[in-house]
Full PDB file with SEQRES, HELIX, SHEET, SSBOND, CRYST1, ORIGX, SCALE, CONECT and MASTER records, all heavy atoms in Angstrom:
SEQRES   1 A   36  ALA LYS GLU ALA ARG GLU GLU THR ILE ALA ALA ILE GLU          
SEQRES   2 A   36  GLN LEU LEU LEU ARG ARG ASP GLU LEU LEU GLU GLN LEU          
SEQRES   3 A   36  SER PRO PRO TYR SER GLU GLU GLU GLN GLN                      
HELIX    1 AA1 ARG A    5  GLN A   25  1                                  21    
HELIX    2 AA2 GLU A   32  GLN A   35  1                                   4    
CRYST1    1.000    1.000    1.000  90.00  90.00  90.00 P 1           1          
ORIGX1      1.000000  0.000000  0.000000        0.00000                         
ORIGX2      0.000000  1.000000  0.000000        0.00000                         
ORIGX3      0.000000  0.000000  1.000000        0.00000                         
SCALE1      1.000000  0.000000  0.000000        0.00000                         
SCALE2      0.000000  1.000000  0.000000        0.00000                         
SCALE3      0.000000  0.000000  1.000000        0.00000                         
ATOM      1  N   ALA A   1     115.315 154.557 150.357  1.00  0.00           N  
ATOM      2  CA  ALA A   1     114.109 155.157 150.930  1.00  0.00           C  
ATOM      3  C   ALA A   1     114.533 156.290 151.868  1.00  0.00           C  
ATOM      4  O   ALA A   1     115.572 156.230 152.518  1.00  0.00           O  
ATOM      5  CB  ALA A   1     113.306 154.110 151.684  1.00  0.00           C  
ATOM      6  N   LYS A   2     113.709 157.321 151.924  1.00  0.00           N  
ATOM      7  CA  LYS A   2     114.030 158.471 152.776  1.00  0.00           C  
ATOM      8  C   LYS A   2     114.123 158.075 154.247  1.00  0.00           C  
ATOM      9  O   LYS A   2     114.912 158.626 154.996  1.00  0.00           O  
ATOM     10  CB  LYS A   2     112.986 159.572 152.605  1.00  0.00           C  
ATOM     11  CG  LYS A   2     113.057 160.264 151.280  1.00  0.00           C  
ATOM     12  CD  LYS A   2     112.026 161.376 151.186  1.00  0.00           C  
ATOM     13  CE  LYS A   2     112.072 162.026 149.826  1.00  0.00           C  
ATOM     14  NZ  LYS A   2     111.100 163.110 149.697  1.00  0.00           N  
ATOM     15  N   GLU A   3     113.299 157.104 154.655  1.00  0.00           N  
ATOM     16  CA  GLU A   3     113.271 156.692 156.053  1.00  0.00           C  
ATOM     17  C   GLU A   3     114.553 155.948 156.433  1.00  0.00           C  
ATOM     18  O   GLU A   3     115.005 156.018 157.576  1.00  0.00           O  
ATOM     19  CB  GLU A   3     112.060 155.789 156.336  1.00  0.00           C  
ATOM     20  CG  GLU A   3     110.724 156.454 156.106  1.00  0.00           C  
ATOM     21  CD  GLU A   3     110.300 156.461 154.646  1.00  0.00           C  
ATOM     22  OE1 GLU A   3     110.724 155.579 153.875  1.00  0.00           O  
ATOM     23  OE2 GLU A   3     109.550 157.375 154.267  1.00  0.00           O  
ATOM     24  N   ALA A   4     115.127 155.212 155.493  1.00  0.00           N  
ATOM     25  CA  ALA A   4     116.310 154.396 155.780  1.00  0.00           C  
ATOM     26  C   ALA A   4     117.587 155.032 155.231  1.00  0.00           C  
ATOM     27  O   ALA A   4     118.600 154.364 155.119  1.00  0.00           O  
ATOM     28  CB  ALA A   4     116.117 153.008 155.177  1.00  0.00           C  
ATOM     29  N   ARG A   5     117.529 156.291 154.896  1.00  0.00           N  
ATOM     30  CA  ARG A   5     118.666 156.939 154.260  1.00  0.00           C  
ATOM     31  C   ARG A   5     119.877 157.007 155.185  1.00  0.00           C  
ATOM     32  O   ARG A   5     121.000 156.774 154.753  1.00  0.00           O  
ATOM     33  CB  ARG A   5     118.290 158.338 153.791  1.00  0.00           C  
ATOM     34  CG  ARG A   5     119.410 158.994 152.990  1.00  0.00           C  
ATOM     35  CD  ARG A   5     119.051 160.355 152.504  1.00  0.00           C  
ATOM     36  NE  ARG A   5     118.088 160.238 151.432  1.00  0.00           N  
ATOM     37  CZ  ARG A   5     117.276 161.220 151.063  1.00  0.00           C  
ATOM     38  NH1 ARG A   5     117.309 162.360 151.704  1.00  0.00           N  
ATOM     39  NH2 ARG A   5     116.440 161.063 150.075  1.00  0.00           N  
ATOM     40  N   GLU A   6     119.659 157.309 156.457  1.00  0.00           N  
ATOM     41  CA  GLU A   6     120.783 157.439 157.386  1.00  0.00           C  
ATOM     42  C   GLU A   6     121.534 156.117 157.550  1.00  0.00           C  
ATOM     43  O   GLU A   6     122.770 156.104 157.569  1.00  0.00           O  
ATOM     44  CB  GLU A   6     120.302 157.956 158.740  1.00  0.00           C  
ATOM     45  CG  GLU A   6     119.912 159.419 158.700  1.00  0.00           C  
ATOM     46  CD  GLU A   6     119.589 159.965 160.075  1.00  0.00           C  
ATOM     47  OE1 GLU A   6     120.263 159.576 161.039  1.00  0.00           O  
ATOM     48  OE2 GLU A   6     118.668 160.782 160.162  1.00  0.00           O  
ATOM     49  N   GLU A   7     120.789 155.002 157.657  1.00  0.00           N  
ATOM     50  CA  GLU A   7     121.432 153.706 157.788  1.00  0.00           C  
ATOM     51  C   GLU A   7     122.199 153.357 156.521  1.00  0.00           C  
ATOM     52  O   GLU A   7     123.308 152.819 156.574  1.00  0.00           O  
ATOM     53  CB  GLU A   7     120.399 152.605 158.089  1.00  0.00           C  
ATOM     54  CG  GLU A   7     119.725 152.748 159.432  1.00  0.00           C  
ATOM     55  CD  GLU A   7     118.521 153.673 159.400  1.00  0.00           C  
ATOM     56  OE1 GLU A   7     117.990 153.956 158.292  1.00  0.00           O  
ATOM     57  OE2 GLU A   7     118.119 154.137 160.470  1.00  0.00           O  
ATOM     58  N   THR A   8     121.610 153.677 155.373  1.00  0.00           N  
ATOM     59  CA  THR A   8     122.267 153.394 154.099  1.00  0.00           C  
ATOM     60  C   THR A   8     123.541 154.213 153.961  1.00  0.00           C  
ATOM     61  O   THR A   8     124.581 153.691 153.533  1.00  0.00           O  
ATOM     62  CB  THR A   8     121.307 153.694 152.927  1.00  0.00           C  
ATOM     63  OG1 THR A   8     120.101 152.959 153.111  1.00  0.00           O  
ATOM     64  CG2 THR A   8     121.935 153.317 151.608  1.00  0.00           C  
ATOM     65  N   ILE A   9     123.483 155.482 154.328  1.00  0.00           N  
ATOM     66  CA  ILE A   9     124.669 156.345 154.246  1.00  0.00           C  
ATOM     67  C   ILE A   9     125.756 155.843 155.188  1.00  0.00           C  
ATOM     68  O   ILE A   9     126.937 155.844 154.837  1.00  0.00           O  
ATOM     69  CB  ILE A   9     124.295 157.809 154.525  1.00  0.00           C  
ATOM     70  CG1 ILE A   9     123.460 158.359 153.370  1.00  0.00           C  
ATOM     71  CG2 ILE A   9     125.528 158.671 154.731  1.00  0.00           C  
ATOM     72  CD1 ILE A   9     122.895 159.740 153.598  1.00  0.00           C  
ATOM     73  N   ALA A  10     125.365 155.386 156.379  1.00  0.00           N  
ATOM     74  CA  ALA A  10     126.348 154.845 157.320  1.00  0.00           C  
ATOM     75  C   ALA A  10     127.017 153.592 156.744  1.00  0.00           C  
ATOM     76  O   ALA A  10     128.244 153.427 156.851  1.00  0.00           O  
ATOM     77  CB  ALA A  10     125.688 154.525 158.650  1.00  0.00           C  
ATOM     78  N   ALA A  11     126.235 152.732 156.100  1.00  0.00           N  
ATOM     79  CA  ALA A  11     126.800 151.528 155.486  1.00  0.00           C  
ATOM     80  C   ALA A  11     127.728 151.898 154.327  1.00  0.00           C  
ATOM     81  O   ALA A  11     128.803 151.296 154.169  1.00  0.00           O  
ATOM     82  CB  ALA A  11     125.679 150.617 154.998  1.00  0.00           C  
ATOM     83  N   ILE A  12     127.332 152.901 153.540  1.00  0.00           N  
ATOM     84  CA  ILE A  12     128.173 153.359 152.430  1.00  0.00           C  
ATOM     85  C   ILE A  12     129.490 153.903 152.963  1.00  0.00           C  
ATOM     86  O   ILE A  12     130.561 153.612 152.422  1.00  0.00           O  
ATOM     87  CB  ILE A  12     127.425 154.418 151.587  1.00  0.00           C  
ATOM     88  CG1 ILE A  12     126.289 153.762 150.806  1.00  0.00           C  
ATOM     89  CG2 ILE A  12     128.381 155.141 150.642  1.00  0.00           C  
ATOM     90  CD1 ILE A  12     125.361 154.750 150.134  1.00  0.00           C  
ATOM     91  N   GLU A  13     129.431 154.687 154.034  1.00  0.00           N  
ATOM     92  CA  GLU A  13     130.652 155.241 154.619  1.00  0.00           C  
ATOM     93  C   GLU A  13     131.588 154.137 155.105  1.00  0.00           C  
ATOM     94  O   GLU A  13     132.802 154.218 154.900  1.00  0.00           O  
ATOM     95  CB  GLU A  13     130.311 156.181 155.777  1.00  0.00           C  
ATOM     96  CG  GLU A  13     129.765 157.511 155.347  1.00  0.00           C  
ATOM     97  CD  GLU A  13     129.398 158.402 156.524  1.00  0.00           C  
ATOM     98  OE1 GLU A  13     129.486 157.950 157.683  1.00  0.00           O  
ATOM     99  OE2 GLU A  13     129.016 159.547 156.273  1.00  0.00           O  
ATOM    100  N   GLN A  14     131.030 153.104 155.737  1.00  0.00           N  
ATOM    101  CA  GLN A  14     131.854 151.993 156.226  1.00  0.00           C  
ATOM    102  C   GLN A  14     132.551 151.280 155.065  1.00  0.00           C  
ATOM    103  O   GLN A  14     133.745 150.973 155.146  1.00  0.00           O  
ATOM    104  CB  GLN A  14     131.000 150.991 157.012  1.00  0.00           C  
ATOM    105  CG  GLN A  14     130.524 151.506 158.339  1.00  0.00           C  
ATOM    106  CD  GLN A  14     131.687 151.764 159.286  1.00  0.00           C  
ATOM    107  OE1 GLN A  14     132.694 151.071 159.277  1.00  0.00           O  
ATOM    108  NE2 GLN A  14     131.546 152.791 160.107  1.00  0.00           N  
ATOM    109  N   LEU A  15     131.792 151.039 153.990  1.00  0.00           N  
ATOM    110  CA  LEU A  15     132.387 150.365 152.838  1.00  0.00           C  
ATOM    111  C   LEU A  15     133.452 151.233 152.166  1.00  0.00           C  
ATOM    112  O   LEU A  15     134.493 150.732 151.728  1.00  0.00           O  
ATOM    113  CB  LEU A  15     131.295 149.969 151.839  1.00  0.00           C  
ATOM    114  CG  LEU A  15     130.367 148.840 152.288  1.00  0.00           C  
ATOM    115  CD1 LEU A  15     129.211 148.660 151.324  1.00  0.00           C  
ATOM    116  CD2 LEU A  15     131.141 147.545 152.449  1.00  0.00           C  
ATOM    117  N   LEU A  16     133.200 152.534 152.084  1.00  0.00           N  
ATOM    118  CA  LEU A  16     134.189 153.430 151.486  1.00  0.00           C  
ATOM    119  C   LEU A  16     135.469 153.494 152.325  1.00  0.00           C  
ATOM    120  O   LEU A  16     136.578 153.526 151.777  1.00  0.00           O  
ATOM    121  CB  LEU A  16     133.598 154.833 151.297  1.00  0.00           C  
ATOM    122  CG  LEU A  16     132.566 154.980 150.184  1.00  0.00           C  
ATOM    123  CD1 LEU A  16     131.953 156.376 150.208  1.00  0.00           C  
ATOM    124  CD2 LEU A  16     133.171 154.690 148.823  1.00  0.00           C  
ATOM    125  N   LEU A  17     135.315 153.501 153.646  1.00  0.00           N  
ATOM    126  CA  LEU A  17     136.490 153.485 154.519  1.00  0.00           C  
ATOM    127  C   LEU A  17     137.280 152.183 154.349  1.00  0.00           C  
ATOM    128  O   LEU A  17     138.517 152.200 154.304  1.00  0.00           O  
ATOM    129  CB  LEU A  17     136.079 153.670 155.976  1.00  0.00           C  
ATOM    130  CG  LEU A  17     135.620 155.068 156.377  1.00  0.00           C  
ATOM    131  CD1 LEU A  17     135.082 155.069 157.804  1.00  0.00           C  
ATOM    132  CD2 LEU A  17     136.763 156.059 156.244  1.00  0.00           C  
ATOM    133  N   ARG A  18     136.570 151.081 154.263  1.00  0.00           N  
ATOM    134  CA  ARG A  18     137.241 149.790 154.073  1.00  0.00           C  
ATOM    135  C   ARG A  18     137.980 149.763 152.735  1.00  0.00           C  
ATOM    136  O   ARG A  18     139.111 149.284 152.650  1.00  0.00           O  
ATOM    137  CB  ARG A  18     136.205 148.653 154.151  1.00  0.00           C  
ATOM    138  CG  ARG A  18     136.794 147.292 153.960  1.00  0.00           C  
ATOM    139  CD  ARG A  18     137.692 146.926 155.124  1.00  0.00           C  
ATOM    140  NE  ARG A  18     138.289 145.626 154.859  1.00  0.00           N  
ATOM    141  CZ  ARG A  18     139.558 145.324 155.090  1.00  0.00           C  
ATOM    142  NH1 ARG A  18     140.363 146.194 155.642  1.00  0.00           N  
ATOM    143  NH2 ARG A  18     140.023 144.134 154.800  1.00  0.00           N  
ATOM    144  N   ARG A  19     137.327 150.288 151.690  1.00  0.00           N  
ATOM    145  CA  ARG A  19     137.983 150.345 150.379  1.00  0.00           C  
ATOM    146  C   ARG A  19     139.230 151.220 150.425  1.00  0.00           C  
ATOM    147  O   ARG A  19     140.244 150.894 149.816  1.00  0.00           O  
ATOM    148  CB  ARG A  19     137.016 150.915 149.331  1.00  0.00           C  
ATOM    149  CG  ARG A  19     136.180 149.891 148.651  1.00  0.00           C  
ATOM    150  CD  ARG A  19     135.314 150.475 147.601  1.00  0.00           C  
ATOM    151  NE  ARG A  19     136.016 151.472 146.800  1.00  0.00           N  
ATOM    152  CZ  ARG A  19     135.675 151.829 145.586  1.00  0.00           C  
ATOM    153  NH1 ARG A  19     134.642 151.269 145.010  1.00  0.00           N  
ATOM    154  NH2 ARG A  19     136.332 152.746 144.923  1.00  0.00           N  
ATOM    155  N   ASP A  20     139.151 152.322 151.140  1.00  0.00           N  
ATOM    156  CA  ASP A  20     140.297 153.224 151.251  1.00  0.00           C  
ATOM    157  C   ASP A  20     141.469 152.516 151.932  1.00  0.00           C  
ATOM    158  O   ASP A  20     142.620 152.644 151.495  1.00  0.00           O  
ATOM    159  CB  ASP A  20     139.895 154.480 152.025  1.00  0.00           C  
ATOM    160  CG  ASP A  20     140.944 155.563 151.969  1.00  0.00           C  
ATOM    161  OD1 ASP A  20     141.570 155.737 150.897  1.00  0.00           O  
ATOM    162  OD2 ASP A  20     141.149 156.240 152.995  1.00  0.00           O  
ATOM    163  N   GLU A  21     141.170 151.761 152.986  1.00  0.00           N  
ATOM    164  CA  GLU A  21     142.217 151.005 153.674  1.00  0.00           C  
ATOM    165  C   GLU A  21     142.864 149.987 152.737  1.00  0.00           C  
ATOM    166  O   GLU A  21     144.084 149.831 152.721  1.00  0.00           O  
ATOM    167  CB  GLU A  21     141.634 150.273 154.882  1.00  0.00           C  
ATOM    168  CG  GLU A  21     141.201 151.178 156.010  1.00  0.00           C  
ATOM    169  CD  GLU A  21     140.436 150.431 157.096  1.00  0.00           C  
ATOM    170  OE1 GLU A  21     140.277 149.189 156.977  1.00  0.00           O  
ATOM    171  OE2 GLU A  21     140.003 151.079 158.053  1.00  0.00           O  
ATOM    172  N   LEU A  22     142.027 149.304 151.950  1.00  0.00           N  
ATOM    173  CA  LEU A  22     142.556 148.301 151.027  1.00  0.00           C  
ATOM    174  C   LEU A  22     143.377 148.952 149.910  1.00  0.00           C  
ATOM    175  O   LEU A  22     144.401 148.403 149.490  1.00  0.00           O  
ATOM    176  CB  LEU A  22     141.410 147.477 150.440  1.00  0.00           C  
ATOM    177  CG  LEU A  22     140.706 146.541 151.413  1.00  0.00           C  
ATOM    178  CD1 LEU A  22     139.463 145.940 150.782  1.00  0.00           C  
ATOM    179  CD2 LEU A  22     141.649 145.447 151.886  1.00  0.00           C  
ATOM    180  N   LEU A  23     142.944 150.102 149.435  1.00  0.00           N  
ATOM    181  CA  LEU A  23     143.686 150.799 148.379  1.00  0.00           C  
ATOM    182  C   LEU A  23     145.070 151.225 148.858  1.00  0.00           C  
ATOM    183  O   LEU A  23     146.029 151.235 148.087  1.00  0.00           O  
ATOM    184  CB  LEU A  23     142.899 152.011 147.870  1.00  0.00           C  
ATOM    185  CG  LEU A  23     141.700 151.697 146.979  1.00  0.00           C  
ATOM    186  CD1 LEU A  23     140.887 152.962 146.708  1.00  0.00           C  
ATOM    187  CD2 LEU A  23     142.153 151.060 145.678  1.00  0.00           C  
ATOM    188  N   GLU A  24     145.165 151.591 150.133  1.00  0.00           N  
ATOM    189  CA  GLU A  24     146.462 151.988 150.683  1.00  0.00           C  
ATOM    190  C   GLU A  24     147.413 150.800 150.778  1.00  0.00           C  
ATOM    191  O   GLU A  24     148.631 150.976 150.742  1.00  0.00           O  
ATOM    192  CB  GLU A  24     146.279 152.629 152.061  1.00  0.00           C  
ATOM    193  CG  GLU A  24     145.653 153.996 152.009  1.00  0.00           C  
ATOM    194  CD  GLU A  24     145.409 154.583 153.392  1.00  0.00           C  
ATOM    195  OE1 GLU A  24     145.804 153.952 154.397  1.00  0.00           O  
ATOM    196  OE2 GLU A  24     144.821 155.671 153.461  1.00  0.00           O  
ATOM    197  N   GLN A  25     146.869 149.592 150.902  1.00  0.00           N  
ATOM    198  CA  GLN A  25     147.695 148.403 151.042  1.00  0.00           C  
ATOM    199  C   GLN A  25     148.186 147.859 149.697  1.00  0.00           C  
ATOM    200  O   GLN A  25     149.044 146.978 149.667  1.00  0.00           O  
ATOM    201  CB  GLN A  25     146.926 147.303 151.771  1.00  0.00           C  
ATOM    202  CG  GLN A  25     146.590 147.652 153.194  1.00  0.00           C  
ATOM    203  CD  GLN A  25     145.722 146.592 153.849  1.00  0.00           C  
ATOM    204  OE1 GLN A  25     145.490 145.533 153.285  1.00  0.00           O  
ATOM    205  NE2 GLN A  25     145.232 146.893 155.038  1.00  0.00           N  
ATOM    206  N   LEU A  26     147.645 148.347 148.596  1.00  0.00           N  
ATOM    207  CA  LEU A  26     148.043 147.850 147.276  1.00  0.00           C  
ATOM    208  C   LEU A  26     149.485 148.225 146.968  1.00  0.00           C  
ATOM    209  O   LEU A  26     149.927 149.339 147.253  1.00  0.00           O  
ATOM    210  CB  LEU A  26     147.145 148.434 146.191  1.00  0.00           C  
ATOM    211  CG  LEU A  26     145.728 147.896 146.096  1.00  0.00           C  
ATOM    212  CD1 LEU A  26     144.967 148.630 145.009  1.00  0.00           C  
ATOM    213  CD2 LEU A  26     145.739 146.418 145.819  1.00  0.00           C  
ATOM    214  N   SER A  27     150.193 147.280 146.373  1.00  0.00           N  
ATOM    215  CA  SER A  27     151.559 147.570 145.934  1.00  0.00           C  
ATOM    216  C   SER A  27     151.870 146.700 144.718  1.00  0.00           C  
ATOM    217  O   SER A  27     151.557 145.511 144.706  1.00  0.00           O  
ATOM    218  CB  SER A  27     152.551 147.312 147.055  1.00  0.00           C  
ATOM    219  OG  SER A  27     152.499 145.960 147.440  1.00  0.00           O  
ATOM    220  N   PRO A  28     152.463 147.288 143.684  1.00  0.00           N  
ATOM    221  CA  PRO A  28     152.816 146.517 142.488  1.00  0.00           C  
ATOM    222  C   PRO A  28     153.967 145.578 142.794  1.00  0.00           C  
ATOM    223  O   PRO A  28     154.632 145.746 143.813  1.00  0.00           O  
ATOM    224  CB  PRO A  28     153.211 147.581 141.477  1.00  0.00           C  
ATOM    225  CG  PRO A  28     153.332 148.853 142.231  1.00  0.00           C  
ATOM    226  CD  PRO A  28     152.721 148.680 143.570  1.00  0.00           C  
ATOM    227  N   PRO A  29     154.286 144.649 142.017  1.00  0.00           N  
ATOM    228  CA  PRO A  29     153.770 144.275 140.695  1.00  0.00           C  
ATOM    229  C   PRO A  29     152.501 143.429 140.823  1.00  0.00           C  
ATOM    230  O   PRO A  29     152.289 142.760 141.825  1.00  0.00           O  
ATOM    231  CB  PRO A  29     154.903 143.457 140.090  1.00  0.00           C  
ATOM    232  CG  PRO A  29     155.588 142.856 141.275  1.00  0.00           C  
ATOM    233  CD  PRO A  29     155.431 143.854 142.410  1.00  0.00           C  
ATOM    234  N   TYR A  30     151.705 143.468 139.769  1.00  0.00           N  
ATOM    235  CA  TYR A  30     150.435 142.746 139.758  1.00  0.00           C  
ATOM    236  C   TYR A  30     150.496 141.618 138.730  1.00  0.00           C  
ATOM    237  O   TYR A  30     151.053 141.770 137.646  1.00  0.00           O  
ATOM    238  CB  TYR A  30     149.279 143.697 139.406  1.00  0.00           C  
ATOM    239  CG  TYR A  30     149.187 144.881 140.318  1.00  0.00           C  
ATOM    240  CD1 TYR A  30     149.416 146.170 139.845  1.00  0.00           C  
ATOM    241  CD2 TYR A  30     148.880 144.727 141.659  1.00  0.00           C  
ATOM    242  CE1 TYR A  30     149.330 147.260 140.686  1.00  0.00           C  
ATOM    243  CE2 TYR A  30     148.796 145.820 142.506  1.00  0.00           C  
ATOM    244  CZ  TYR A  30     149.019 147.082 142.013  1.00  0.00           C  
ATOM    245  OH  TYR A  30     148.938 148.160 142.851  1.00  0.00           O  
ATOM    246  N   SER A  31     149.864 140.512 139.066  1.00  0.00           N  
ATOM    247  CA  SER A  31     149.791 139.383 138.130  1.00  0.00           C  
ATOM    248  C   SER A  31     148.691 139.674 137.101  1.00  0.00           C  
ATOM    249  O   SER A  31     147.942 140.653 137.222  1.00  0.00           O  
ATOM    250  CB  SER A  31     149.480 138.093 138.891  1.00  0.00           C  
ATOM    251  OG  SER A  31     148.178 138.152 139.435  1.00  0.00           O  
ATOM    252  N   GLU A  32     148.585 138.812 136.107  1.00  0.00           N  
ATOM    253  CA  GLU A  32     147.551 138.979 135.067  1.00  0.00           C  
ATOM    254  C   GLU A  32     146.160 138.931 135.697  1.00  0.00           C  
ATOM    255  O   GLU A  32     145.284 139.705 135.338  1.00  0.00           O  
ATOM    256  CB  GLU A  32     147.685 137.885 134.002  1.00  0.00           C  
ATOM    257  CG  GLU A  32     148.775 138.133 133.007  1.00  0.00           C  
ATOM    258  CD  GLU A  32     148.506 139.352 132.123  1.00  0.00           C  
ATOM    259  OE1 GLU A  32     147.353 139.543 131.718  1.00  0.00           O  
ATOM    260  OE2 GLU A  32     149.457 140.109 131.870  1.00  0.00           O  
ATOM    261  N   GLU A  33     145.973 138.001 136.620  1.00  0.00           N  
ATOM    262  CA  GLU A  33     144.662 137.867 137.279  1.00  0.00           C  
ATOM    263  C   GLU A  33     144.333 139.128 138.070  1.00  0.00           C  
ATOM    264  O   GLU A  33     143.198 139.617 138.038  1.00  0.00           O  
ATOM    265  CB  GLU A  33     144.663 136.651 138.204  1.00  0.00           C  
ATOM    266  CG  GLU A  33     143.351 136.429 138.934  1.00  0.00           C  
ATOM    267  CD  GLU A  33     143.423 135.280 139.920  1.00  0.00           C  
ATOM    268  OE1 GLU A  33     144.376 134.479 139.870  1.00  0.00           O  
ATOM    269  OE2 GLU A  33     142.509 135.197 140.760  1.00  0.00           O  
ATOM    270  N   GLU A  34     145.306 139.657 138.775  1.00  0.00           N  
ATOM    271  CA  GLU A  34     145.079 140.877 139.557  1.00  0.00           C  
ATOM    272  C   GLU A  34     144.793 142.064 138.649  1.00  0.00           C  
ATOM    273  O   GLU A  34     143.975 142.921 138.987  1.00  0.00           O  
ATOM    274  CB  GLU A  34     146.294 141.160 140.434  1.00  0.00           C  
ATOM    275  CG  GLU A  34     146.453 140.186 141.576  1.00  0.00           C  
ATOM    276  CD  GLU A  34     147.721 140.411 142.382  1.00  0.00           C  
ATOM    277  OE1 GLU A  34     148.688 140.979 141.847  1.00  0.00           O  
ATOM    278  OE2 GLU A  34     147.728 140.011 143.564  1.00  0.00           O  
ATOM    279  N   GLN A  35     145.433 142.123 137.508  1.00  0.00           N  
ATOM    280  CA  GLN A  35     145.162 143.207 136.564  1.00  0.00           C  
ATOM    281  C   GLN A  35     143.737 143.105 136.032  1.00  0.00           C  
ATOM    282  O   GLN A  35     143.055 144.119 135.871  1.00  0.00           O  
ATOM    283  CB  GLN A  35     146.169 143.186 135.418  1.00  0.00           C  
ATOM    284  CG  GLN A  35     147.548 143.648 135.825  1.00  0.00           C  
ATOM    285  CD  GLN A  35     148.539 143.623 134.678  1.00  0.00           C  
ATOM    286  OE1 GLN A  35     148.198 143.278 133.549  1.00  0.00           O  
ATOM    287  NE2 GLN A  35     149.784 143.982 134.972  1.00  0.00           N  
ATOM    288  N   GLN A  36     143.267 141.894 135.773  1.00  0.00           N  
ATOM    289  CA  GLN A  36     141.889 141.697 135.299  1.00  0.00           C  
ATOM    290  C   GLN A  36     140.894 142.116 136.389  1.00  0.00           C  
ATOM    291  O   GLN A  36     139.895 142.776 136.103  1.00  0.00           O  
ATOM    292  CB  GLN A  36     141.662 140.232 134.900  1.00  0.00           C  
ATOM    293  CG  GLN A  36     140.344 139.968 134.247  1.00  0.00           C  
ATOM    294  CD  GLN A  36     140.177 140.727 132.938  1.00  0.00           C  
ATOM    295  OE1 GLN A  36     141.131 140.995 132.226  1.00  0.00           O  
ATOM    296  NE2 GLN A  36     138.953 141.099 132.645  1.00  0.00           N  
TER     297      GLN A  36                                                      
MASTER        0    0    0    2    0    0    0    6  296    1    0    3          
END                                                                             
């Protein structure tokens, strides 16, 4: 909704930052379950 757009964008930014942090922590080798 246009009225709640700022809150939604802020939540999206927080999740994207968290994902970025987790992506930086990834290191191979991966198990079959992790690959799935």
